[in-house]
Amino acid sequence: MASAAGSKQQQAMMSLPSSRGGGGGGWTQRQNKQFECALAVYDKETPDRWHNIARYMGGAKSADEVRRHFDHLVEDVARIESGRVPFPRYSSSSSSRGADDGNRLLTVFHLSSV
């Protein structure tokens, strides 16, 4: 059962909307990491949350872009958790790192949406 959870988490990390468009284009790996950190700092009770997250990211993304990115992440996680996303096949060397990244992302996501 742990491997299924790990696979879901790996898929969540891979399905971050890094290539999704929107006014600001795609998101780099660095921007995604900044976004993750910002979600941990600014929870859903934070006034002006999306403006604060955009500012945390150095102004590279607008508050609207940050909000859309989060909305896409929510959709991606819902699809993964509902089983509508097939499990990816990883080589043994990349799966352990992906699981760590996925664990971190889902932890941040769940903390920020509570």
PDB file of N, CA and C in Angstrom:
ATOM      1  N   MET A   1       0.814  -1.181   0.000  1.00  0.00           N
ATOM      2  CA  MET A   1       0.000   0.000   0.000  1.00  0.00           C
ATOM      3  C   MET A   1       0.866   1.257   0.000  1.00  0.00           C
ATOM      4  N   ALA A   2       1.999   1.205   0.694  1.00  0.00           N
ATOM      5  CA  ALA A   2       2.882   2.366   0.726  1.00  0.00           C
ATOM      6  C   ALA A   2       3.394   2.715  -0.664  1.00  0.00           C
ATOM      7  N   SER A   3       3.629   1.704  -1.499  1.00  0.00           N
ATOM      8  CA  SER A   3       4.125   2.004  -2.837  1.00  0.00           C
ATOM      9  C   SER A   3       3.072   2.707  -3.676  1.00  0.00           C
ATOM     10  N   ALA A   4       1.805   2.383  -3.485  1.00  0.00           N
ATOM     11  CA  ALA A   4       0.738   3.081  -4.220  1.00  0.00           C
ATOM     12  C   ALA A   4       0.691   4.541  -3.800  1.00  0.00           C
ATOM     13  N   ALA A   5       0.823   4.793  -2.497  1.00  0.00           N
ATOM     14  CA  ALA A   5       0.831   6.181  -2.021  1.00  0.00           C
ATOM     15  C   ALA A   5       2.050   6.916  -2.562  1.00  0.00           C
ATOM     16  N   GLY A   6       3.191   6.228  -2.565  1.00  0.00           N
ATOM     17  CA  GLY A   6       4.398   6.843  -3.104  1.00  0.00           C
ATOM     18  C   GLY A   6       4.245   7.182  -4.569  1.00  0.00           C
ATOM     19  N   SER A   7       3.620   6.281  -5.324  1.00  0.00           N
ATOM     20  CA  SER A   7       3.410   6.534  -6.751  1.00  0.00           C
ATOM     21  C   SER A   7       2.487   7.719  -6.965  1.00  0.00           C
ATOM     22  N   LYS A   8       1.428   7.820  -6.163  1.00  0.00           N
ATOM     23  CA  LYS A   8       0.524   8.969  -6.271  1.00  0.00           C
ATOM     24  C   LYS A   8       1.285  10.262  -5.987  1.00  0.00           C
ATOM     25  N   GLN A   9       2.129  10.220  -4.983  1.00  0.00           N
ATOM     26  CA  GLN A   9       2.885  11.411  -4.622  1.00  0.00           C
ATOM     27  C   GLN A   9       3.888  11.770  -5.711  1.00  0.00           C
ATOM     28  N   GLN A  10       4.524  10.766  -6.298  1.00  0.00           N
ATOM     29  CA  GLN A  10       5.441  11.034  -7.395  1.00  0.00           C
ATOM     30  C   GLN A  10       4.697  11.662  -8.552  1.00  0.00           C
ATOM     31  N   GLN A  11       3.516  11.138  -8.848  1.00  0.00           N
ATOM     32  CA  GLN A  11       2.726  11.677  -9.943  1.00  0.00           C
ATOM     33  C   GLN A  11       2.310  13.113  -9.645  1.00  0.00           C
ATOM     34  N   ALA A  12       1.986  13.408  -8.391  1.00  0.00           N
ATOM     35  CA  ALA A  12       1.599  14.775  -8.025  1.00  0.00           C
ATOM     36  C   ALA A  12       2.738  15.739  -8.322  1.00  0.00           C
ATOM     37  N   MET A  13       3.951  15.336  -8.005  1.00  0.00           N
ATOM     38  CA  MET A  13       5.098  16.203  -8.265  1.00  0.00           C
ATOM     39  C   MET A  13       5.289  16.405  -9.759  1.00  0.00           C
ATOM     40  N   MET A  14       5.123  15.326 -10.516  1.00  0.00           N
ATOM     41  CA  MET A  14       5.316  15.416 -11.955  1.00  0.00           C
ATOM     42  C   MET A  14       4.207  16.212 -12.625  1.00  0.00           C
ATOM     43  N   SER A  15       3.019  16.221 -12.033  1.00  0.00           N
ATOM     44  CA  SER A  15       1.907  16.868 -12.707  1.00  0.00           C
ATOM     45  C   SER A  15       1.710  18.299 -12.256  1.00  0.00           C
ATOM     46  N   LEU A  16       2.677  18.855 -11.555  1.00  0.00           N
ATOM     47  CA  LEU A  16       2.606  20.280 -11.292  1.00  0.00           C
ATOM     48  C   LEU A  16       2.449  20.988 -12.621  1.00  0.00           C
ATOM     49  N   PRO A  17       1.658  22.017 -12.662  1.00  0.00           N
ATOM     50  CA  PRO A  17       1.388  22.659 -13.948  1.00  0.00           C
ATOM     51  C   PRO A  17       2.549  23.505 -14.451  1.00  0.00           C
ATOM     52  N   SER A  18       3.739  22.940 -14.464  1.00  0.00           N
ATOM     53  CA  SER A  18       4.916  23.695 -14.866  1.00  0.00           C
ATOM     54  C   SER A  18       4.882  24.108 -16.327  1.00  0.00           C
ATOM     55  N   SER A  19       4.183  23.363 -17.157  1.00  0.00           N
ATOM     56  CA  SER A  19       4.157  23.708 -18.564  1.00  0.00           C
ATOM     57  C   SER A  19       2.844  24.368 -18.965  1.00  0.00           C
ATOM     58  N   ARG A  20       1.964  24.559 -18.014  1.00  0.00           N
ATOM     59  CA  ARG A  20       0.690  25.175 -18.336  1.00  0.00           C
ATOM     60  C   ARG A  20       0.884  26.642 -18.588  1.00  0.00           C
ATOM     61  N   GLY A  21       0.170  27.099 -19.558  1.00  0.00           N
ATOM     62  CA  GLY A  21       0.278  28.500 -19.940  1.00  0.00           C
ATOM     63  C   GLY A  21      -0.429  29.405 -18.966  1.00  0.00           C
ATOM     64  N   GLY A  22      -0.696  30.554 -19.412  1.00  0.00           N
ATOM     65  CA  GLY A  22      -1.245  31.614 -18.593  1.00  0.00           C
ATOM     66  C   GLY A  22      -0.386  32.797 -18.886  1.00  0.00           C
ATOM     67  N   GLY A  23      -0.760  33.936 -18.520  1.00  0.00           N
ATOM     68  CA  GLY A  23      -0.041  35.145 -18.875  1.00  0.00           C
ATOM     69  C   GLY A  23       1.454  35.065 -18.686  1.00  0.00           C
ATOM     70  N   GLY A  24       1.936  34.315 -17.666  1.00  0.00           N
ATOM     71  CA  GLY A  24       3.353  34.327 -17.363  1.00  0.00           C
ATOM     72  C   GLY A  24       4.130  33.164 -17.926  1.00  0.00           C
ATOM     73  N   GLY A  25       3.517  32.366 -18.775  1.00  0.00           N
ATOM     74  CA  GLY A  25       4.233  31.235 -19.341  1.00  0.00           C
ATOM     75  C   GLY A  25       4.394  30.121 -18.340  1.00  0.00           C
ATOM     76  N   GLY A  26       5.344  29.216 -18.599  1.00  0.00           N
ATOM     77  CA  GLY A  26       5.563  28.070 -17.735  1.00  0.00           C
ATOM     78  C   GLY A  26       6.248  28.438 -16.434  1.00  0.00           C
ATOM     79  N   TRP A  27       6.306  27.467 -15.580  1.00  0.00           N
ATOM     80  CA  TRP A  27       6.948  27.643 -14.275  1.00  0.00           C
ATOM     81  C   TRP A  27       8.228  26.822 -14.256  1.00  0.00           C
ATOM     82  N   THR A  28       9.297  27.425 -13.802  1.00  0.00           N
ATOM     83  CA  THR A  28      10.561  26.709 -13.686  1.00  0.00           C
ATOM     84  C   THR A  28      10.538  25.847 -12.434  1.00  0.00           C
ATOM     85  N   GLN A  29      11.480  24.938 -12.347  1.00  0.00           N
ATOM     86  CA  GLN A  29      11.601  24.112 -11.147  1.00  0.00           C
ATOM     87  C   GLN A  29      11.849  25.003  -9.922  1.00  0.00           C
ATOM     88  N   ARG A  30      12.659  26.003 -10.086  1.00  0.00           N
ATOM     89  CA  ARG A  30      12.944  26.919  -8.969  1.00  0.00           C
ATOM     90  C   ARG A  30      11.672  27.652  -8.526  1.00  0.00           C
ATOM     91  N   GLN A  31      10.883  28.115  -9.484  1.00  0.00           N
ATOM     92  CA  GLN A  31       9.637  28.800  -9.143  1.00  0.00           C
ATOM     93  C   GLN A  31       8.674  27.850  -8.440  1.00  0.00           C
ATOM     94  N   ASN A  32       8.619  26.596  -8.884  1.00  0.00           N
ATOM     95  CA  ASN A  32       7.765  25.625  -8.208  1.00  0.00           C
ATOM     96  C   ASN A  32       8.203  25.416  -6.767  1.00  0.00           C
ATOM     97  N   LYS A  33       9.502  25.364  -6.538  1.00  0.00           N
ATOM     98  CA  LYS A  33      10.005  25.206  -5.169  1.00  0.00           C
ATOM     99  C   LYS A  33       9.668  26.432  -4.328  1.00  0.00           C
ATOM    100  N   GLN A  34       9.835  27.624  -4.903  1.00  0.00           N
ATOM    101  CA  GLN A  34       9.456  28.842  -4.186  1.00  0.00           C
ATOM    102  C   GLN A  34       7.961  28.820  -3.855  1.00  0.00           C
ATOM    103  N   PHE A  35       7.167  28.375  -4.810  1.00  0.00           N
ATOM    104  CA  PHE A  35       5.728  28.285  -4.623  1.00  0.00           C
ATOM    105  C   PHE A  35       5.399  27.334  -3.467  1.00  0.00           C
ATOM    106  N   GLU A  36       6.042  26.178  -3.438  1.00  0.00           N
ATOM    107  CA  GLU A  36       5.838  25.217  -2.347  1.00  0.00           C
ATOM    108  C   GLU A  36       6.160  25.842  -0.996  1.00  0.00           C
ATOM    109  N   CYS A  37       7.284  26.510  -0.922  1.00  0.00           N
ATOM    110  CA  CYS A  37       7.684  27.152   0.337  1.00  0.00           C
ATOM    111  C   CYS A  37       6.672  28.227   0.738  1.00  0.00           C
ATOM    112  N   ALA A  38       6.256  29.011  -0.226  1.00  0.00           N
ATOM    113  CA  ALA A  38       5.297  30.082   0.049  1.00  0.00           C
ATOM    114  C   ALA A  38       3.973  29.512   0.541  1.00  0.00           C
ATOM    115  N   LEU A  39       3.529  28.381  -0.005  1.00  0.00           N
ATOM    116  CA  LEU A  39       2.288  27.757   0.471  1.00  0.00           C
ATOM    117  C   LEU A  39       2.411  27.341   1.935  1.00  0.00           C
ATOM    118  N   ALA A  40       3.601  26.916   2.332  1.00  0.00           N
ATOM    119  CA  ALA A  40       3.815  26.532   3.724  1.00  0.00           C
ATOM    120  C   ALA A  40       3.800  27.752   4.642  1.00  0.00           C
ATOM    121  N   VAL A  41       4.245  28.888   4.132  1.00  0.00           N
ATOM    122  CA  VAL A  41       4.291  30.115   4.929  1.00  0.00           C
ATOM    123  C   VAL A  41       2.923  30.787   5.004  1.00  0.00           C
ATOM    124  N   TYR A  42       2.239  30.869   3.863  1.00  0.00           N
ATOM    125  CA  TYR A  42       0.962  31.583   3.773  1.00  0.00           C
ATOM    126  C   TYR A  42      -0.176  30.585   3.591  1.00  0.00           C
ATOM    127  N   ASP A  43      -0.837  30.215   4.695  1.00  0.00           N
ATOM    128  CA  ASP A  43      -1.938  29.268   4.599  1.00  0.00           C
ATOM    129  C   ASP A  43      -3.210  29.958   4.114  1.00  0.00           C
ATOM    130  N   LYS A  44      -4.297  29.197   3.997  1.00  0.00           N
ATOM    131  CA  LYS A  44      -5.514  29.750   3.404  1.00  0.00           C
ATOM    132  C   LYS A  44      -6.173  30.822   4.263  1.00  0.00           C
ATOM    133  N   GLU A  45      -5.763  30.945   5.508  1.00  0.00           N
ATOM    134  CA  GLU A  45      -6.312  31.981   6.386  1.00  0.00           C
ATOM    135  C   GLU A  45      -5.562  33.310   6.269  1.00  0.00           C
ATOM    136  N   THR A  46      -4.470  33.322   5.530  1.00  0.00           N
ATOM    137  CA  THR A  46      -3.657  34.530   5.399  1.00  0.00           C
ATOM    138  C   THR A  46      -4.372  35.561   4.529  1.00  0.00           C
ATOM    139  N   PRO A  47      -4.559  36.781   5.055  1.00  0.00           N
ATOM    140  CA  PRO A  47      -5.137  37.833   4.210  1.00  0.00           C
ATOM    141  C   PRO A  47      -4.220  38.100   3.009  1.00  0.00           C
ATOM    142  N   ASP A  48      -4.824  38.354   1.869  1.00  0.00           N
ATOM    143  CA  ASP A  48      -4.072  38.628   0.639  1.00  0.00           C
ATOM    144  C   ASP A  48      -3.060  37.535   0.332  1.00  0.00           C
ATOM    145  N   ARG A  49      -3.475  36.312   0.548  1.00  0.00           N
ATOM    146  CA  ARG A  49      -2.585  35.159   0.380  1.00  0.00           C
ATOM    147  C   ARG A  49      -1.870  35.154  -0.962  1.00  0.00           C
ATOM    148  N   TRP A  50      -2.585  35.330  -2.062  1.00  0.00           N
ATOM    149  CA  TRP A  50      -1.992  35.194  -3.392  1.00  0.00           C
ATOM    150  C   TRP A  50      -1.034  36.338  -3.685  1.00  0.00           C
ATOM    151  N   HIS A  51      -1.330  37.519  -3.184  1.00  0.00           N
ATOM    152  CA  HIS A  51      -0.388  38.640  -3.333  1.00  0.00           C
ATOM    153  C   HIS A  51       0.883  38.381  -2.526  1.00  0.00           C
ATOM    154  N   ASN A  52       0.718  37.840  -1.322  1.00  0.00           N
ATOM    155  CA  ASN A  52       1.885  37.522  -0.489  1.00  0.00           C
ATOM    156  C   ASN A  52       2.749  36.450  -1.133  1.00  0.00           C
ATOM    157  N   ILE A  53       2.118  35.436  -1.710  1.00  0.00           N
ATOM    158  CA  ILE A  53       2.883  34.367  -2.359  1.00  0.00           C
ATOM    159  C   ILE A  53       3.611  34.921  -3.583  1.00  0.00           C
ATOM    160  N   ALA A  54       2.934  35.758  -4.366  1.00  0.00           N
ATOM    161  CA  ALA A  54       3.584  36.367  -5.535  1.00  0.00           C
ATOM    162  C   ALA A  54       4.781  37.212  -5.095  1.00  0.00           C
ATOM    163  N   ARG A  55       4.625  37.961  -4.021  1.00  0.00           N
ATOM    164  CA  ARG A  55       5.728  38.786  -3.507  1.00  0.00           C
ATOM    165  C   ARG A  55       6.862  37.888  -3.002  1.00  0.00           C
ATOM    166  N   TYR A  56       6.527  36.788  -2.319  1.00  0.00           N
ATOM    167  CA  TYR A  56       7.515  35.837  -1.815  1.00  0.00           C
ATOM    168  C   TYR A  56       8.357  35.297  -2.962  1.00  0.00           C
ATOM    169  N   MET A  57       7.735  35.154  -4.115  1.00  0.00           N
ATOM    170  CA  MET A  57       8.420  34.618  -5.292  1.00  0.00           C
ATOM    171  C   MET A  57       9.195  35.696  -6.045  1.00  0.00           C
ATOM    172  N   GLY A  58       9.313  36.853  -5.479  1.00  0.00           N
ATOM    173  CA  GLY A  58      10.121  37.911  -6.077  1.00  0.00           C
ATOM    174  C   GLY A  58       9.419  38.661  -7.194  1.00  0.00           C
ATOM    175  N   GLY A  59       8.101  38.532  -7.290  1.00  0.00           N
ATOM    176  CA  GLY A  59       7.365  39.252  -8.319  1.00  0.00           C
ATOM    177  C   GLY A  59       7.445  38.629  -9.702  1.00  0.00           C
ATOM    178  N   ALA A  60       8.009  37.421  -9.806  1.00  0.00           N
ATOM    179  CA  ALA A  60       8.123  36.755 -11.112  1.00  0.00           C
ATOM    180  C   ALA A  60       6.756  36.344 -11.648  1.00  0.00           C
ATOM    181  N   LYS A  61       5.789  36.168 -10.749  1.00  0.00           N
ATOM    182  CA  LYS A  61       4.425  35.782 -11.115  1.00  0.00           C
ATOM    183  C   LYS A  61       3.458  36.734 -10.425  1.00  0.00           C
ATOM    184  N   SER A  62       2.343  36.991 -11.085  1.00  0.00           N
ATOM    185  CA  SER A  62       1.319  37.843 -10.491  1.00  0.00           C
ATOM    186  C   SER A  62       0.484  37.031  -9.501  1.00  0.00           C
ATOM    187  N   ALA A  63      -0.309  37.724  -8.702  1.00  0.00           N
ATOM    188  CA  ALA A  63      -1.202  37.046  -7.770  1.00  0.00           C
ATOM    189  C   ALA A  63      -2.184  36.156  -8.525  1.00  0.00           C
ATOM    190  N   ASP A  64      -2.666  36.603  -9.674  1.00  0.00           N
ATOM    191  CA  ASP A  64      -3.588  35.791 -10.477  1.00  0.00           C
ATOM    192  C   ASP A  64      -2.909  34.525 -10.997  1.00  0.00           C
ATOM    193  N   GLU A  65      -1.661  34.655 -11.445  1.00  0.00           N
ATOM    194  CA  GLU A  65      -0.931  33.482 -11.935  1.00  0.00           C
ATOM    195  C   GLU A  65      -0.698  32.476 -10.813  1.00  0.00           C
ATOM    196  N   VAL A  66      -0.374  32.981  -9.629  1.00  0.00           N
ATOM    197  CA  VAL A  66      -0.141  32.118  -8.477  1.00  0.00           C
ATOM    198  C   VAL A  66      -1.427  31.378  -8.121  1.00  0.00           C
ATOM    199  N   ARG A  67      -2.538  32.093  -8.125  1.00  0.00           N
ATOM    200  CA  ARG A  67      -3.825  31.469  -7.797  1.00  0.00           C
ATOM    201  C   ARG A  67      -4.182  30.396  -8.837  1.00  0.00           C
ATOM    202  N   ARG A  68      -4.000  30.697 -10.115  1.00  0.00           N
ATOM    203  CA  ARG A  68      -4.281  29.704 -11.164  1.00  0.00           C
ATOM    204  C   ARG A  68      -3.387  28.478 -11.008  1.00  0.00           C
ATOM    205  N   HIS A  69      -2.128  28.709 -10.666  1.00  0.00           N
ATOM    206  CA  HIS A  69      -1.183  27.603 -10.468  1.00  0.00           C
ATOM    207  C   HIS A  69      -1.684  26.700  -9.337  1.00  0.00           C
ATOM    208  N   PHE A  70      -2.133  27.307  -8.265  1.00  0.00           N
ATOM    209  CA  PHE A  70      -2.673  26.550  -7.137  1.00  0.00           C
ATOM    210  C   PHE A  70      -3.931  25.784  -7.560  1.00  0.00           C
ATOM    211  N   ASP A  71      -4.819  26.446  -8.289  1.00  0.00           N
ATOM    212  CA  ASP A  71      -6.049  25.786  -8.747  1.00  0.00           C
ATOM    213  C   ASP A  71      -5.735  24.572  -9.617  1.00  0.00           C
ATOM    214  N   HIS A  72      -4.738  24.700 -10.490  1.00  0.00           N
ATOM    215  CA  HIS A  72      -4.318  23.560 -11.320  1.00  0.00           C
ATOM    216  C   HIS A  72      -3.756  22.440 -10.449  1.00  0.00           C
ATOM    217  N   LEU A  73      -3.007  22.808  -9.431  1.00  0.00           N
ATOM    218  CA  LEU A  73      -2.452  21.807  -8.523  1.00  0.00           C
ATOM    219  C   LEU A  73      -3.576  21.063  -7.808  1.00  0.00           C
ATOM    220  N   VAL A  74      -4.592  21.783  -7.348  1.00  0.00           N
ATOM    221  CA  VAL A  74      -5.732  21.152  -6.686  1.00  0.00           C
ATOM    222  C   VAL A  74      -6.410  20.164  -7.635  1.00  0.00           C
ATOM    223  N   GLU A  75      -6.607  20.580  -8.896  1.00  0.00           N
ATOM    224  CA  GLU A  75      -7.219  19.690  -9.892  1.00  0.00           C
ATOM    225  C   GLU A  75      -6.353  18.452 -10.125  1.00  0.00           C
ATOM    226  N   ASP A  76      -5.046  18.656 -10.246  1.00  0.00           N
ATOM    227  CA  ASP A  76      -4.131  17.533 -10.478  1.00  0.00           C
ATOM    228  C   ASP A  76      -4.163  16.540  -9.325  1.00  0.00           C
ATOM    229  N   VAL A  77      -4.111  17.043  -8.106  1.00  0.00           N
ATOM    230  CA  VAL A  77      -4.122  16.157  -6.942  1.00  0.00           C
ATOM    231  C   VAL A  77      -5.452  15.411  -6.862  1.00  0.00           C
ATOM    232  N   ALA A  78      -6.563  16.079  -7.148  1.00  0.00           N
ATOM    233  CA  ALA A  78      -7.872  15.418  -7.131  1.00  0.00           C
ATOM    234  C   ALA A  78      -7.922  14.284  -8.161  1.00  0.00           C
ATOM    235  N   ARG A  79      -7.381  14.520  -9.363  1.00  0.00           N
ATOM    236  CA  ARG A  79      -7.350  13.470 -10.390  1.00  0.00           C
ATOM    237  C   ARG A  79      -6.481  12.302  -9.937  1.00  0.00           C
ATOM    238  N   ILE A  80      -5.353  12.602  -9.340  1.00  0.00           N
ATOM    239  CA  ILE A  80      -4.447  11.550  -8.881  1.00  0.00           C
ATOM    240  C   ILE A  80      -5.099  10.737  -7.778  1.00  0.00           C
ATOM    241  N   GLU A  81      -5.674  11.426  -6.788  1.00  0.00           N
ATOM    242  CA  GLU A  81      -6.279  10.724  -5.662  1.00  0.00           C
ATOM    243  C   GLU A  81      -7.525   9.925  -6.066  1.00  0.00           C
ATOM    244  N   SER A  82      -8.197  10.339  -7.126  1.00  0.00           N
ATOM    245  CA  SER A  82      -9.378   9.609  -7.584  1.00  0.00           C
ATOM    246  C   SER A  82      -9.002   8.416  -8.460  1.00  0.00           C
ATOM    247  N   GLY A  83      -7.715   8.273  -8.758  1.00  0.00           N
ATOM    248  CA  GLY A  83      -7.260   7.147  -9.568  1.00  0.00           C
ATOM    249  C   GLY A  83      -7.396   7.366 -11.063  1.00  0.00           C
ATOM    250  N   ARG A  84      -7.647   8.587 -11.495  1.00  0.00           N
ATOM    251  CA  ARG A  84      -7.819   8.852 -12.922  1.00  0.00           C
ATOM    252  C   ARG A  84      -6.508   9.120 -13.642  1.00  0.00           C
ATOM    253  N   VAL A  85      -5.400   9.085 -12.919  1.00  0.00           N
ATOM    254  CA  VAL A  85      -4.082   9.277 -13.533  1.00  0.00           C
ATOM    255  C   VAL A  85      -3.325   7.968 -13.391  1.00  0.00           C
ATOM    256  N   PRO A  86      -2.877   7.386 -14.502  1.00  0.00           N
ATOM    257  CA  PRO A  86      -2.145   6.112 -14.396  1.00  0.00           C
ATOM    258  C   PRO A  86      -0.822   6.308 -13.674  1.00  0.00           C
ATOM    259  N   PHE A  87      -0.416   5.279 -12.952  1.00  0.00           N
ATOM    260  CA  PHE A  87       0.848   5.344 -12.240  1.00  0.00           C
ATOM    261  C   PHE A  87       1.999   5.331 -13.236  1.00  0.00           C
ATOM    262  N   PRO A  88       2.948   6.226 -13.084  1.00  0.00           N
ATOM    263  CA  PRO A  88       4.112   6.231 -13.979  1.00  0.00           C
ATOM    264  C   PRO A  88       5.050   5.087 -13.616  1.00  0.00           C
ATOM    265  N   ARG A  89       5.856   4.705 -14.568  1.00  0.00           N
ATOM    266  CA  ARG A  89       6.876   3.681 -14.324  1.00  0.00           C
ATOM    267  C   ARG A  89       8.221   4.388 -14.200  1.00  0.00           C
ATOM    268  N   TYR A  90       8.873   4.188 -13.069  1.00  0.00           N
ATOM    269  CA  TYR A  90      10.156   4.819 -12.805  1.00  0.00           C
ATOM    270  C   TYR A  90      11.240   3.758 -12.708  1.00  0.00           C
ATOM    271  N   SER A  91      12.445   4.173 -13.058  1.00  0.00           N
ATOM    272  CA  SER A  91      13.570   3.285 -12.798  1.00  0.00           C
ATOM    273  C   SER A  91      13.853   3.345 -11.303  1.00  0.00           C
ATOM    274  N   SER A  92      14.530   2.359 -10.783  1.00  0.00           N
ATOM    275  CA  SER A  92      14.772   2.309  -9.337  1.00  0.00           C
ATOM    276  C   SER A  92      15.599   3.488  -8.853  1.00  0.00           C
ATOM    277  N   SER A  93      16.482   4.037  -9.674  1.00  0.00           N
ATOM    278  CA  SER A  93      17.321   5.146  -9.218  1.00  0.00           C
ATOM    279  C   SER A  93      16.543   6.449  -9.105  1.00  0.00           C
ATOM    280  N   SER A  94      15.532   6.662  -9.936  1.00  0.00           N
ATOM    281  CA  SER A  94      14.795   7.918  -9.873  1.00  0.00           C
ATOM    282  C   SER A  94      13.598   7.837  -8.940  1.00  0.00           C
ATOM    283  N   SER A  95      13.133   6.627  -8.624  1.00  0.00           N
ATOM    284  CA  SER A  95      11.904   6.513  -7.834  1.00  0.00           C
ATOM    285  C   SER A  95      12.100   6.976  -6.399  1.00  0.00           C
ATOM    286  N   SER A  96      13.249   6.731  -5.809  1.00  0.00           N
ATOM    287  CA  SER A  96      13.418   7.141  -4.421  1.00  0.00           C
ATOM    288  C   SER A  96      13.464   8.655  -4.305  1.00  0.00           C
ATOM    289  N   ARG A  97      14.101   9.325  -5.229  1.00  0.00           N
ATOM    290  CA  ARG A  97      14.146  10.781  -5.182  1.00  0.00           C
ATOM    291  C   ARG A  97      12.769  11.360  -5.462  1.00  0.00           C
ATOM    292  N   GLY A  98      12.065  10.825  -6.443  1.00  0.00           N
ATOM    293  CA  GLY A  98      10.730  11.299  -6.769  1.00  0.00           C
ATOM    294  C   GLY A  98       9.781  11.148  -5.600  1.00  0.00           C
ATOM    295  N   ALA A  99       9.909  10.065  -4.857  1.00  0.00           N
ATOM    296  CA  ALA A  99       9.035   9.854  -3.701  1.00  0.00           C
ATOM    297  C   ALA A  99       9.287  10.924  -2.657  1.00  0.00           C
ATOM    298  N   ASP A 100      10.545  11.275  -2.428  1.00  0.00           N
ATOM    299  CA  ASP A 100      10.850  12.328  -1.466  1.00  0.00           C
ATOM    300  C   ASP A 100      10.239  13.655  -1.908  1.00  0.00           C
ATOM    301  N   ASP A 101      10.402  14.004  -3.180  1.00  0.00           N
ATOM    302  CA  ASP A 101       9.829  15.239  -3.702  1.00  0.00           C
ATOM    303  C   ASP A 101       8.316  15.218  -3.596  1.00  0.00           C
ATOM    304  N   GLY A 102       7.707  14.098  -3.935  1.00  0.00           N
ATOM    305  CA  GLY A 102       6.258  13.974  -3.877  1.00  0.00           C
ATOM    306  C   GLY A 102       5.738  14.066  -2.456  1.00  0.00           C
ATOM    307  N   ASN A 103       6.443  13.440  -1.520  1.00  0.00           N
ATOM    308  CA  ASN A 103       6.041  13.524  -0.120  1.00  0.00           C
ATOM    309  C   ASN A 103       6.050  14.972   0.346  1.00  0.00           C
ATOM    310  N   ARG A 104       7.096  15.691  -0.007  1.00  0.00           N
ATOM    311  CA  ARG A 104       7.212  17.085   0.406  1.00  0.00           C
ATOM    312  C   ARG A 104       6.090  17.910  -0.205  1.00  0.00           C
ATOM    313  N   LEU A 105       5.838  17.723  -1.503  1.00  0.00           N
ATOM    314  CA  LEU A 105       4.809  18.493  -2.179  1.00  0.00           C
ATOM    315  C   LEU A 105       3.430  18.232  -1.590  1.00  0.00           C
ATOM    316  N   LEU A 106       3.077  16.972  -1.414  1.00  0.00           N
ATOM    317  CA  LEU A 106       1.755  16.677  -0.875  1.00  0.00           C
ATOM    318  C   LEU A 106       1.613  17.153   0.557  1.00  0.00           C
ATOM    319  N   THR A 107       2.687  17.078   1.336  1.00  0.00           N
ATOM    320  CA  THR A 107       2.640  17.605   2.698  1.00  0.00           C
ATOM    321  C   THR A 107       2.387  19.101   2.667  1.00  0.00           C
ATOM    322  N   VAL A 108       3.104  19.824   1.833  1.00  0.00           N
ATOM    323  CA  VAL A 108       2.909  21.267   1.726  1.00  0.00           C
ATOM    324  C   VAL A 108       1.509  21.566   1.242  1.00  0.00           C
ATOM    325  N   PHE A 109       1.050  20.824   0.228  1.00  0.00           N
ATOM    326  CA  PHE A 109      -0.281  21.053  -0.320  1.00  0.00           C
ATOM    327  C   PHE A 109      -1.342  20.830   0.734  1.00  0.00           C
ATOM    328  N   HIS A 110      -1.260  19.711   1.452  1.00  0.00           N
ATOM    329  CA  HIS A 110      -2.282  19.426   2.447  1.00  0.00           C
ATOM    330  C   HIS A 110      -2.229  20.423   3.600  1.00  0.00           C
ATOM    331  N   LEU A 111      -1.047  20.860   3.994  1.00  0.00           N
ATOM    332  CA  LEU A 111      -0.945  21.860   5.049  1.00  0.00           C
ATOM    333  C   LEU A 111      -1.556  23.194   4.613  1.00  0.00           C
ATOM    334  N   SER A 112      -1.377  23.540   3.359  1.00  0.00           N
ATOM    335  CA  SER A 112      -1.858  24.837   2.898  1.00  0.00           C
ATOM    336  C   SER A 112      -3.350  24.849   2.635  1.00  0.00           C
ATOM    337  N   SER A 113      -3.951  23.695   2.466  1.00  0.00           N
ATOM    338  CA  SER A 113      -5.380  23.675   2.165  1.00  0.00           C
ATOM    339  C   SER A 113      -6.221  23.310   3.372  1.00  0.00           C
ATOM    340  N   VAL A 114      -5.582  23.160   4.527  1.00  0.00           N
ATOM    341  CA  VAL A 114      -6.318  22.814   5.754  1.00  0.00           C
ATOM    342  C   VAL A 114      -6.854  24.075   6.396  1.00  0.00           C
TER     343      VAL A 114
END
